[in-house]
Amino acid sequence: MTAVTDSYFSGLIGRLETLRETLAEPMARASAAICAAARADRRVYVFGTGHSHMLAEEVHYRAGGLAFTVPVLVGSAMLHEGAVISSVYERTEGLIRPIFERYGMQPGDVLIIASNSGVNAAPLEAADYGREIGATVIAITSLAYSAAIANGRRKLADVADIVLDNGLPPGDAMIDLPGTGLKVGPASTAVGATVLNAIFADVAAELSKDGDPPVYLSANMPGAKETNQQLVKRYRPRNPHL
């Protein structure tokens, strides 16, 4: 392992160790909110733009994941339809509400919004919409990044009911390239996926006290076809991506 790869691993592991302590309380609150939603047959929606949208896909139809999660996928604000224009869309006001309205979000649902910077129009409008509907809004964001660039603007952390601060520096990247002024080694995706999967694992453990929780099996595991078909049939009416 080179010094740079070792530095990235060490930086990521160190941050996760720190977050295990600093996020214990808000993660417990997030888990409780999701458990309450699941027991009321509500849904957990996950939304992000740019690279943050990968967290919505991370929990969607996932082996070992919970079937009541719904990704909110906005093609124009993701990367596959044009990375440059997606950066424009996520900063443009008024685009998100019509998209969210087709998902049928209801009071008692949970909306998880991933936005590392926490200041773009799309995640803020999503948070406003969730609050108006009566959903619990959970933010995964960098408070340091938001504070550095807000310049008086609203921040996602100001709107959310529960804030999961990923502890990452402004700009996301962790490793300095000497003599260049540049940094590499972004970590928000790895950290965000770890935090989300930890929360959902905790939720599944709590729901298992009521019986088998709605957990997808890997397609190659015994009984996966039958189990997953039943879950898809149950949850497809409120998940347009199944």
C-alpha atoms as a PDB file:
ATOM      1  CA  MET A   1       0.000   0.000   0.000  1.00  0.00           C
ATOM      2  CA  THR A   2       1.400   3.407  -0.942  1.00  0.00           C
ATOM      3  CA  ALA A   3       1.541   6.347   1.435  1.00  0.00           C
ATOM      4  CA  VAL A   4      -1.376   7.988  -0.356  1.00  0.00           C
ATOM      5  CA  THR A   5      -3.658   4.945  -0.312  1.00  0.00           C
ATOM      6  CA  ASP A   6      -2.738   4.370   3.331  1.00  0.00           C
ATOM      7  CA  SER A   7      -3.576   7.998   4.074  1.00  0.00           C
ATOM      8  CA  TYR A   8      -6.989   7.656   2.464  1.00  0.00           C
ATOM      9  CA  PHE A   9      -7.809   4.445   4.332  1.00  0.00           C
ATOM     10  CA  SER A  10      -6.594   5.929   7.606  1.00  0.00           C
ATOM     11  CA  GLY A  11      -8.536   9.136   7.059  1.00  0.00           C
ATOM     12  CA  LEU A  12     -11.743   7.309   6.222  1.00  0.00           C
ATOM     13  CA  ILE A  13     -11.451   4.824   9.080  1.00  0.00           C
ATOM     14  CA  GLY A  14     -10.630   7.615  11.510  1.00  0.00           C
ATOM     15  CA  ARG A  15     -13.659   9.613  10.487  1.00  0.00           C
ATOM     16  CA  LEU A  16     -15.931   6.598  10.793  1.00  0.00           C
ATOM     17  CA  GLU A  17     -14.570   5.894  14.263  1.00  0.00           C
ATOM     18  CA  THR A  18     -15.328   9.484  15.243  1.00  0.00           C
ATOM     19  CA  LEU A  19     -18.805   9.392  13.740  1.00  0.00           C
ATOM     20  CA  ARG A  20     -19.639   6.232  15.639  1.00  0.00           C
ATOM     21  CA  GLU A  21     -19.512   8.425  18.746  1.00  0.00           C
ATOM     22  CA  THR A  22     -20.669  11.827  17.523  1.00  0.00           C
ATOM     23  CA  LEU A  23     -23.640  10.475  15.554  1.00  0.00           C
ATOM     24  CA  ALA A  24     -24.841   7.991  18.160  1.00  0.00           C
ATOM     25  CA  GLU A  25     -27.697  10.211  19.343  1.00  0.00           C
ATOM     26  CA  PRO A  26     -28.975  11.507  15.974  1.00  0.00           C
ATOM     27  CA  MET A  27     -28.641   8.036  14.442  1.00  0.00           C
ATOM     28  CA  ALA A  28     -30.754   6.639  17.267  1.00  0.00           C
ATOM     29  CA  ARG A  29     -33.365   9.320  16.590  1.00  0.00           C
ATOM     30  CA  ALA A  30     -33.282   8.529  12.876  1.00  0.00           C
ATOM     31  CA  SER A  31     -33.702   4.830  13.585  1.00  0.00           C
ATOM     32  CA  ALA A  32     -36.660   5.515  15.881  1.00  0.00           C
ATOM     33  CA  ALA A  33     -38.353   7.706  13.262  1.00  0.00           C
ATOM     34  CA  ILE A  34     -37.903   5.061  10.561  1.00  0.00           C
ATOM     35  CA  CYS A  35     -39.171   2.310  12.851  1.00  0.00           C
ATOM     36  CA  ALA A  36     -42.280   4.339  13.616  1.00  0.00           C
ATOM     37  CA  ALA A  37     -42.860   4.914   9.901  1.00  0.00           C
ATOM     38  CA  ALA A  38     -42.412   1.228   9.091  1.00  0.00           C
ATOM     39  CA  ARG A  39     -44.820   0.112  11.800  1.00  0.00           C
ATOM     40  CA  ALA A  40     -47.412   2.523  10.431  1.00  0.00           C
ATOM     41  CA  ASP A  41     -46.885   1.136   6.893  1.00  0.00           C
ATOM     42  CA  ARG A  42     -45.299   4.375   5.768  1.00  0.00           C
ATOM     43  CA  ARG A  43     -42.309   4.767   3.455  1.00  0.00           C
ATOM     44  CA  VAL A  44     -38.760   6.072   3.700  1.00  0.00           C
ATOM     45  CA  TYR A  45     -37.817   8.236   0.722  1.00  0.00           C
ATOM     46  CA  VAL A  46     -34.168   8.952  -0.051  1.00  0.00           C
ATOM     47  CA  PHE A  47     -33.058  11.834  -2.264  1.00  0.00           C
ATOM     48  CA  GLY A  48     -29.843  13.431  -3.406  1.00  0.00           C
ATOM     49  CA  THR A  49     -28.442  15.208  -6.441  1.00  0.00           C
ATOM     50  CA  GLY A  50     -25.115  14.782  -8.193  1.00  0.00           C
ATOM     51  CA  HIS A  51     -23.049  12.072  -6.521  1.00  0.00           C
ATOM     52  CA  SER A  52     -25.312  12.219  -3.460  1.00  0.00           C
ATOM     53  CA  HIS A  53     -28.043  10.504  -5.479  1.00  0.00           C
ATOM     54  CA  MET A  54     -26.041   7.283  -5.140  1.00  0.00           C
ATOM     55  CA  LEU A  55     -27.207   7.032  -1.541  1.00  0.00           C
ATOM     56  CA  ALA A  56     -30.796   6.810  -2.785  1.00  0.00           C
ATOM     57  CA  GLU A  57     -29.815   3.910  -5.025  1.00  0.00           C
ATOM     58  CA  GLU A  58     -27.699   2.328  -2.292  1.00  0.00           C
ATOM     59  CA  VAL A  59     -30.786   1.496  -0.234  1.00  0.00           C
ATOM     60  CA  HIS A  60     -33.109   0.664  -3.142  1.00  0.00           C
ATOM     61  CA  TYR A  61     -33.905  -3.016  -3.806  1.00  0.00           C
ATOM     62  CA  ARG A  62     -30.745  -3.842  -1.870  1.00  0.00           C
ATOM     63  CA  ALA A  63     -29.681  -7.280  -0.701  1.00  0.00           C
ATOM     64  CA  GLY A  64     -29.926  -7.080   3.069  1.00  0.00           C
ATOM     65  CA  GLY A  65     -31.875  -3.839   2.755  1.00  0.00           C
ATOM     66  CA  LEU A  66     -35.394  -2.878   3.764  1.00  0.00           C
ATOM     67  CA  ALA A  67     -38.153  -2.975   1.171  1.00  0.00           C
ATOM     68  CA  PHE A  68     -40.039   0.127   2.297  1.00  0.00           C
ATOM     69  CA  THR A  69     -37.310   2.463   1.027  1.00  0.00           C
ATOM     70  CA  VAL A  70     -38.114   4.541  -2.063  1.00  0.00           C
ATOM     71  CA  PRO A  71     -35.444   6.370  -4.074  1.00  0.00           C
ATOM     72  CA  VAL A  72     -36.412   9.762  -5.445  1.00  0.00           C
ATOM     73  CA  LEU A  73     -34.522   9.836  -8.737  1.00  0.00           C
ATOM     74  CA  VAL A  74     -34.348  13.073 -10.701  1.00  0.00           C
ATOM     75  CA  GLY A  75     -32.499  12.308 -13.928  1.00  0.00           C
ATOM     76  CA  SER A  76     -31.691  15.912 -14.767  1.00  0.00           C
ATOM     77  CA  ALA A  77     -30.002  16.429 -11.395  1.00  0.00           C
ATOM     78  CA  MET A  78     -28.041  13.173 -11.492  1.00  0.00           C
ATOM     79  CA  LEU A  79     -24.974  12.538 -13.645  1.00  0.00           C
ATOM     80  CA  HIS A  80     -25.897  10.128 -16.422  1.00  0.00           C
ATOM     81  CA  GLU A  81     -27.878  12.641 -18.504  1.00  0.00           C
ATOM     82  CA  GLY A  82     -25.101  15.226 -18.396  1.00  0.00           C
ATOM     83  CA  ALA A  83     -22.792  15.899 -15.482  1.00  0.00           C
ATOM     84  CA  VAL A  84     -22.273  19.584 -16.212  1.00  0.00           C
ATOM     85  CA  ILE A  85     -25.938  20.440 -16.650  1.00  0.00           C
ATOM     86  CA  SER A  86     -26.846  18.437 -13.540  1.00  0.00           C
ATOM     87  CA  SER A  87     -24.818  20.901 -11.494  1.00  0.00           C
ATOM     88  CA  VAL A  88     -26.956  23.690 -12.936  1.00  0.00           C
ATOM     89  CA  TYR A  89     -30.238  21.896 -12.259  1.00  0.00           C
ATOM     90  CA  GLU A  90     -29.459  21.176  -8.614  1.00  0.00           C
ATOM     91  CA  ARG A  91     -28.973  24.922  -8.086  1.00  0.00           C
ATOM     92  CA  THR A  92     -32.112  25.960  -9.977  1.00  0.00           C
ATOM     93  CA  GLU A  93     -35.186  26.781  -7.914  1.00  0.00           C
ATOM     94  CA  GLY A  94     -38.611  25.388  -8.701  1.00  0.00           C
ATOM     95  CA  LEU A  95     -37.666  22.064 -10.295  1.00  0.00           C
ATOM     96  CA  ILE A  96     -38.140  19.658  -7.422  1.00  0.00           C
ATOM     97  CA  ARG A  97     -41.731  20.028  -6.238  1.00  0.00           C
ATOM     98  CA  PRO A  98     -43.405  18.687  -9.433  1.00  0.00           C
ATOM     99  CA  ILE A  99     -41.140  15.640  -9.313  1.00  0.00           C
ATOM    100  CA  PHE A 100     -41.803  14.934  -5.654  1.00  0.00           C
ATOM    101  CA  GLU A 101     -45.543  15.236  -6.143  1.00  0.00           C
ATOM    102  CA  ARG A 102     -45.606  12.112  -8.303  1.00  0.00           C
ATOM    103  CA  TYR A 103     -44.165   9.965  -5.513  1.00  0.00           C
ATOM    104  CA  GLY A 104     -47.221  10.201  -3.280  1.00  0.00           C
ATOM    105  CA  MET A 105     -45.417  11.127  -0.093  1.00  0.00           C
ATOM    106  CA  GLN A 106     -47.728  11.057   2.929  1.00  0.00           C
ATOM    107  CA  PRO A 107     -47.779  12.338   6.507  1.00  0.00           C
ATOM    108  CA  GLY A 108     -45.770  10.009   8.706  1.00  0.00           C
ATOM    109  CA  ASP A 109     -43.299   9.105   5.962  1.00  0.00           C
ATOM    110  CA  VAL A 110     -39.575   9.761   6.352  1.00  0.00           C
ATOM    111  CA  LEU A 111     -37.520  11.733   3.841  1.00  0.00           C
ATOM    112  CA  ILE A 112     -33.734  11.319   3.940  1.00  0.00           C
ATOM    113  CA  ILE A 113     -31.857  13.993   1.970  1.00  0.00           C
ATOM    114  CA  ALA A 114     -28.158  13.682   1.193  1.00  0.00           C
ATOM    115  CA  SER A 115     -26.374  16.922   0.326  1.00  0.00           C
ATOM    116  CA  ASN A 116     -22.741  17.344   1.231  1.00  0.00           C
ATOM    117  CA  SER A 117     -22.702  21.124   0.804  1.00  0.00           C
ATOM    118  CA  GLY A 118     -26.246  21.533   2.104  1.00  0.00           C
ATOM    119  CA  VAL A 119     -26.933  24.812   0.318  1.00  0.00           C
ATOM    120  CA  ASN A 120     -28.229  23.941  -3.165  1.00  0.00           C
ATOM    121  CA  ALA A 121     -31.805  24.696  -4.174  1.00  0.00           C
ATOM    122  CA  ALA A 122     -32.873  21.112  -4.915  1.00  0.00           C
ATOM    123  CA  PRO A 123     -32.220  19.559  -1.487  1.00  0.00           C
ATOM    124  CA  LEU A 124     -33.610  22.617   0.291  1.00  0.00           C
ATOM    125  CA  GLU A 125     -36.823  22.514  -1.746  1.00  0.00           C
ATOM    126  CA  ALA A 126     -37.073  18.786  -1.092  1.00  0.00           C
ATOM    127  CA  ALA A 127     -36.757  19.413   2.638  1.00  0.00           C
ATOM    128  CA  ASP A 128     -39.418  22.136   2.521  1.00  0.00           C
ATOM    129  CA  TYR A 129     -41.742  19.809   0.642  1.00  0.00           C
ATOM    130  CA  GLY A 130     -41.221  16.997   3.122  1.00  0.00           C
ATOM    131  CA  ARG A 131     -41.943  19.269   6.059  1.00  0.00           C
ATOM    132  CA  GLU A 132     -45.112  20.576   4.374  1.00  0.00           C
ATOM    133  CA  ILE A 133     -46.357  17.027   3.772  1.00  0.00           C
ATOM    134  CA  GLY A 134     -45.733  16.042   7.378  1.00  0.00           C
ATOM    135  CA  ALA A 135     -42.751  13.755   6.818  1.00  0.00           C
ATOM    136  CA  THR A 136     -39.790  13.534   9.163  1.00  0.00           C
ATOM    137  CA  VAL A 137     -36.845  15.067   7.305  1.00  0.00           C
ATOM    138  CA  ILE A 138     -33.383  13.618   7.941  1.00  0.00           C
ATOM    139  CA  ALA A 139     -30.319  15.336   6.463  1.00  0.00           C
ATOM    140  CA  ILE A 140     -26.944  13.787   5.723  1.00  0.00           C
ATOM    141  CA  THR A 141     -24.645  16.744   5.227  1.00  0.00           C
ATOM    142  CA  SER A 142     -21.360  18.407   6.162  1.00  0.00           C
ATOM    143  CA  LEU A 143     -21.913  21.199   8.659  1.00  0.00           C
ATOM    144  CA  ALA A 144     -18.389  22.475   8.063  1.00  0.00           C
ATOM    145  CA  TYR A 145     -18.959  22.683   4.315  1.00  0.00           C
ATOM    146  CA  SER A 146     -22.293  24.476   4.734  1.00  0.00           C
ATOM    147  CA  ALA A 147     -20.856  26.962   7.191  1.00  0.00           C
ATOM    148  CA  ALA A 148     -17.955  27.754   4.864  1.00  0.00           C
ATOM    149  CA  ILE A 149     -20.044  28.559   1.784  1.00  0.00           C
ATOM    150  CA  ALA A 150     -23.530  29.565   2.927  1.00  0.00           C
ATOM    151  CA  ASN A 151     -22.846  33.319   2.914  1.00  0.00           C
ATOM    152  CA  GLY A 152     -26.191  34.024   4.543  1.00  0.00           C
ATOM    153  CA  ARG A 153     -28.148  31.438   2.567  1.00  0.00           C
ATOM    154  CA  ARG A 154     -30.371  28.838   4.198  1.00  0.00           C
ATOM    155  CA  LYS A 155     -28.750  25.489   4.907  1.00  0.00           C
ATOM    156  CA  LEU A 156     -30.258  22.015   4.772  1.00  0.00           C
ATOM    157  CA  ALA A 157     -29.337  21.532   8.413  1.00  0.00           C
ATOM    158  CA  ASP A 158     -31.587  24.486   9.311  1.00  0.00           C
ATOM    159  CA  VAL A 159     -34.633  22.776   7.787  1.00  0.00           C
ATOM    160  CA  ALA A 160     -34.193  19.108   8.729  1.00  0.00           C
ATOM    161  CA  ASP A 161     -35.696  17.508  11.819  1.00  0.00           C
ATOM    162  CA  ILE A 162     -32.647  15.293  12.309  1.00  0.00           C
ATOM    163  CA  VAL A 163     -29.136  16.179  11.112  1.00  0.00           C
ATOM    164  CA  LEU A 164     -26.427  13.595  10.478  1.00  0.00           C
ATOM    165  CA  ASP A 165     -23.200  15.584  10.152  1.00  0.00           C
ATOM    166  CA  ASN A 166     -20.721  13.533   8.127  1.00  0.00           C
ATOM    167  CA  GLY A 167     -17.825  15.509   9.610  1.00  0.00           C
ATOM    168  CA  LEU A 168     -16.145  16.037   6.246  1.00  0.00           C
ATOM    169  CA  PRO A 169     -14.225  19.184   5.259  1.00  0.00           C
ATOM    170  CA  PRO A 170     -15.410  21.790   2.758  1.00  0.00           C
ATOM    171  CA  GLY A 171     -15.006  20.351  -0.725  1.00  0.00           C
ATOM    172  CA  ASP A 172     -15.254  16.706   0.468  1.00  0.00           C
ATOM    173  CA  ALA A 173     -11.744  15.595  -0.556  1.00  0.00           C
ATOM    174  CA  MET A 174      -9.392  14.642   2.297  1.00  0.00           C
ATOM    175  CA  ILE A 175      -5.847  14.347   0.907  1.00  0.00           C
ATOM    176  CA  ASP A 176      -3.607  17.266  -0.038  1.00  0.00           C
ATOM    177  CA  LEU A 177      -1.487  17.012  -3.175  1.00  0.00           C
ATOM    178  CA  PRO A 178       1.739  18.790  -2.177  1.00  0.00           C
ATOM    179  CA  GLY A 179       2.686  21.730  -4.324  1.00  0.00           C
ATOM    180  CA  THR A 180      -0.622  21.877  -6.217  1.00  0.00           C
ATOM    181  CA  GLY A 181      -3.190  23.368  -3.867  1.00  0.00           C
ATOM    182  CA  LEU A 182      -5.460  20.475  -4.823  1.00  0.00           C
ATOM    183  CA  LYS A 183      -7.126  17.799  -2.726  1.00  0.00           C
ATOM    184  CA  VAL A 184      -8.229  14.280  -3.714  1.00  0.00           C
ATOM    185  CA  GLY A 185      -9.948  11.382  -2.004  1.00  0.00           C
ATOM    186  CA  PRO A 186     -13.599  12.367  -1.560  1.00  0.00           C
ATOM    187  CA  ALA A 187     -15.348  10.501   1.235  1.00  0.00           C
ATOM    188  CA  SER A 188     -18.978  11.641   1.420  1.00  0.00           C
ATOM    189  CA  THR A 189     -20.328   8.637  -0.507  1.00  0.00           C
ATOM    190  CA  ALA A 190     -18.447   6.065   1.567  1.00  0.00           C
ATOM    191  CA  VAL A 191     -19.377   7.775   4.827  1.00  0.00           C
ATOM    192  CA  GLY A 192     -22.996   8.344   3.822  1.00  0.00           C
ATOM    193  CA  ALA A 193     -23.509   4.738   2.730  1.00  0.00           C
ATOM    194  CA  THR A 194     -21.988   3.475   5.981  1.00  0.00           C
ATOM    195  CA  VAL A 195     -24.213   5.689   8.107  1.00  0.00           C
ATOM    196  CA  LEU A 196     -27.359   4.759   6.180  1.00  0.00           C
ATOM    197  CA  ASN A 197     -26.677   1.034   6.233  1.00  0.00           C
ATOM    198  CA  ALA A 198     -25.932   1.158   9.951  1.00  0.00           C
ATOM    199  CA  ILE A 199     -29.236   2.913  10.615  1.00  0.00           C
ATOM    200  CA  PHE A 200     -31.231   0.514   8.477  1.00  0.00           C
ATOM    201  CA  ALA A 201     -29.563  -2.487  10.100  1.00  0.00           C
ATOM    202  CA  ASP A 202     -30.617  -1.109  13.473  1.00  0.00           C
ATOM    203  CA  VAL A 203     -34.150  -0.569  12.176  1.00  0.00           C
ATOM    204  CA  ALA A 204     -34.316  -4.153  10.893  1.00  0.00           C
ATOM    205  CA  ALA A 205     -33.165  -5.473  14.263  1.00  0.00           C
ATOM    206  CA  GLU A 206     -35.877  -3.497  16.041  1.00  0.00           C
ATOM    207  CA  LEU A 207     -38.572  -4.575  13.574  1.00  0.00           C
ATOM    208  CA  SER A 208     -37.530  -8.197  13.968  1.00  0.00           C
ATOM    209  CA  LYS A 209     -39.048  -8.050  17.454  1.00  0.00           C
ATOM    210  CA  ASP A 210     -42.435  -7.925  15.692  1.00  0.00           C
ATOM    211  CA  GLY A 211     -41.639 -10.778  13.281  1.00  0.00           C
ATOM    212  CA  ASP A 212     -39.586 -11.032  10.115  1.00  0.00           C
ATOM    213  CA  PRO A 213     -38.760  -7.540   8.819  1.00  0.00           C
ATOM    214  CA  PRO A 214     -39.215  -6.802   5.082  1.00  0.00           C
ATOM    215  CA  VAL A 215     -35.620  -7.498   4.036  1.00  0.00           C
ATOM    216  CA  TYR A 216     -34.575  -8.291   0.474  1.00  0.00           C
ATOM    217  CA  LEU A 217     -32.390 -11.326  -0.160  1.00  0.00           C
ATOM    218  CA  SER A 218     -29.525 -11.431  -2.624  1.00  0.00           C
ATOM    219  CA  ALA A 219     -30.850 -12.902  -5.875  1.00  0.00           C
ATOM    220  CA  ASN A 220     -28.467 -15.862  -5.679  1.00  0.00           C
ATOM    221  CA  MET A 221     -29.479 -16.937  -2.187  1.00  0.00           C
ATOM    222  CA  PRO A 222     -31.934 -19.791  -1.505  1.00  0.00           C
ATOM    223  CA  GLY A 223     -35.540 -18.578  -1.396  1.00  0.00           C
ATOM    224  CA  ALA A 224     -34.644 -15.151  -2.776  1.00  0.00           C
ATOM    225  CA  LYS A 225     -36.999 -15.249  -5.738  1.00  0.00           C
ATOM    226  CA  GLU A 226     -40.081 -16.014  -3.674  1.00  0.00           C
ATOM    227  CA  THR A 227     -39.209 -13.615  -0.841  1.00  0.00           C
ATOM    228  CA  ASN A 228     -38.346 -10.729  -3.114  1.00  0.00           C
ATOM    229  CA  GLN A 229     -41.397 -11.213  -5.314  1.00  0.00           C
ATOM    230  CA  GLN A 230     -43.651 -10.974  -2.268  1.00  0.00           C
ATOM    231  CA  LEU A 231     -41.926  -7.804  -1.097  1.00  0.00           C
ATOM    232  CA  VAL A 232     -42.102  -6.197  -4.532  1.00  0.00           C
ATOM    233  CA  LYS A 233     -45.810  -6.988  -4.781  1.00  0.00           C
ATOM    234  CA  ARG A 234     -46.403  -5.388  -1.375  1.00  0.00           C
ATOM    235  CA  TYR A 235     -44.349  -2.234  -1.873  1.00  0.00           C
ATOM    236  CA  ARG A 236     -44.593  -1.543  -5.610  1.00  0.00           C
ATOM    237  CA  PRO A 237     -47.820   0.538  -5.349  1.00  0.00           C
ATOM    238  CA  ARG A 238     -45.854   3.348  -3.660  1.00  0.00           C
ATOM    239  CA  ASN A 239     -42.478   2.797  -5.286  1.00  0.00           C
ATOM    240  CA  PRO A 240     -42.375   3.668  -9.005  1.00  0.00           C
ATOM    241  CA  HIS A 241     -38.869   2.224  -9.310  1.00  0.00           C
ATOM    242  CA  LEU A 242     -39.781  -1.389  -8.508  1.00  0.00           C
END
